[in-house]
Amino acid sequence: MGAPTPTRIPPSVDNTGAVELAKERKVTNRSRHIARRHLKVREYVADGVIAVSHIGTEDNPADIFTKPLEAAAFQKHRLFLMPRSGV
């Protein structure tokens, strides 16, 4: 059997504008340029498949892949990549 999957995928982003765009149901002049494939995220949020939430930049583990970090931040984010016992 497979591993249990959560009922919602909880992506967290450190860009409040991205969170608001994901939750916004209507297309505005400011969001018309967004590609159709990105609008799928809005559908997933509306359908309850995902629940996008904000995470502070200092707590975003994805930063280890996207930007140079100081040693302390690197060590902190590296813990998210370590396998957890009992999983």
Protein backbone atom coordinates (compact mmCIF):
# COMPACT_ATOMS: atom_id res chain seq x y z
CA MET A 1 0.00 0.00 0.00
CA GLY A 2 1.08 3.58 -0.48
CA ALA A 3 1.88 6.17 2.11
CA PRO A 4 -1.09 8.10 3.45
CA THR A 5 -1.63 11.42 1.73
CA PRO A 6 -2.96 14.52 3.43
CA THR A 7 -6.42 15.70 2.48
CA ARG A 8 -4.91 19.01 1.38
CA ILE A 9 -1.47 19.81 0.04
CA PRO A 10 -0.24 22.70 2.21
CA PRO A 11 2.16 24.78 0.04
CA SER A 12 3.60 27.78 1.85
CA VAL A 13 5.05 30.78 0.06
CA ASP A 14 6.92 33.83 1.32
CA ASN A 15 5.23 36.19 -1.14
CA THR A 16 1.97 37.63 0.17
CA GLY A 17 1.01 38.78 -3.34
CA ALA A 18 1.24 35.19 -4.60
CA VAL A 19 -0.98 34.01 -1.73
CA GLU A 20 -3.59 36.64 -2.56
CA LEU A 21 -3.49 35.83 -6.29
CA ALA A 22 -3.99 32.15 -5.53
CA LYS A 23 -7.06 32.91 -3.43
CA GLU A 24 -8.57 35.52 -5.79
CA ARG A 25 -11.39 34.08 -7.91
CA LYS A 26 -11.78 36.87 -10.46
CA VAL A 27 -9.37 38.03 -13.15
CA THR A 28 -8.38 41.68 -12.89
CA ASN A 29 -6.39 43.98 -15.17
CA ARG A 30 -3.38 43.32 -12.95
CA SER A 31 -3.68 39.53 -13.17
CA ARG A 32 -4.71 39.11 -16.83
CA HIS A 33 -1.13 38.38 -17.90
CA ILE A 34 -0.91 35.23 -15.78
CA ALA A 35 -0.64 32.10 -17.92
CA ARG A 36 -3.62 29.77 -17.97
CA ARG A 37 -1.61 26.98 -16.37
CA HIS A 38 -1.02 29.16 -13.30
CA LEU A 39 -4.72 29.85 -13.01
CA LYS A 40 -5.13 26.13 -12.24
CA VAL A 41 -3.76 26.91 -8.76
CA ARG A 42 -6.80 29.12 -8.18
CA GLU A 43 -9.07 26.25 -9.09
CA TYR A 44 -7.27 23.93 -6.67
CA VAL A 45 -7.60 26.50 -3.87
CA ALA A 46 -11.30 27.01 -4.61
CA ASP A 47 -11.92 23.26 -4.70
CA GLY A 48 -10.06 22.72 -1.41
CA VAL A 49 -7.34 20.56 -3.00
CA ILE A 50 -4.63 22.89 -1.71
CA ALA A 51 -4.57 25.56 0.98
CA VAL A 52 -1.94 28.19 0.24
CA SER A 53 -0.53 29.96 3.28
CA HIS A 54 2.12 32.57 3.94
CA ILE A 55 5.45 31.68 5.52
CA GLY A 56 8.04 34.21 6.59
CA THR A 57 11.18 34.40 4.48
CA GLU A 58 13.36 33.43 7.43
CA ASP A 59 11.34 30.22 7.88
CA ASN A 60 11.03 29.16 4.23
CA PRO A 61 12.89 25.85 3.75
CA ALA A 62 12.76 26.27 -0.05
CA ASP A 63 15.35 29.05 0.30
CA ILE A 64 18.06 26.40 0.59
CA PHE A 65 17.41 25.67 -3.11
CA THR A 66 16.85 29.21 -4.36
CA LYS A 67 19.32 31.59 -2.73
CA PRO A 68 22.69 31.76 -1.03
CA LEU A 69 22.28 31.50 2.74
CA GLU A 70 24.42 32.31 5.72
CA ALA A 71 25.65 29.28 7.66
CA ALA A 72 23.01 29.48 10.41
CA ALA A 73 20.11 29.71 7.95
CA PHE A 74 21.60 26.90 5.86
CA GLN A 75 21.86 24.63 8.92
CA LYS A 76 18.27 25.46 9.94
CA HIS A 77 16.80 24.72 6.50
CA ARG A 78 18.95 21.62 6.06
CA LEU A 79 17.03 20.00 8.93
CA PHE A 80 13.91 19.94 6.71
CA LEU A 81 15.78 17.70 4.26
CA MET A 82 16.83 15.14 6.84
CA PRO A 83 14.77 11.95 7.09
CA ARG A 84 12.74 11.81 10.26
CA SER A 85 12.75 8.64 12.35
CA GLY A 86 9.51 6.77 12.64
CA VAL A 87 8.17 7.94 9.29
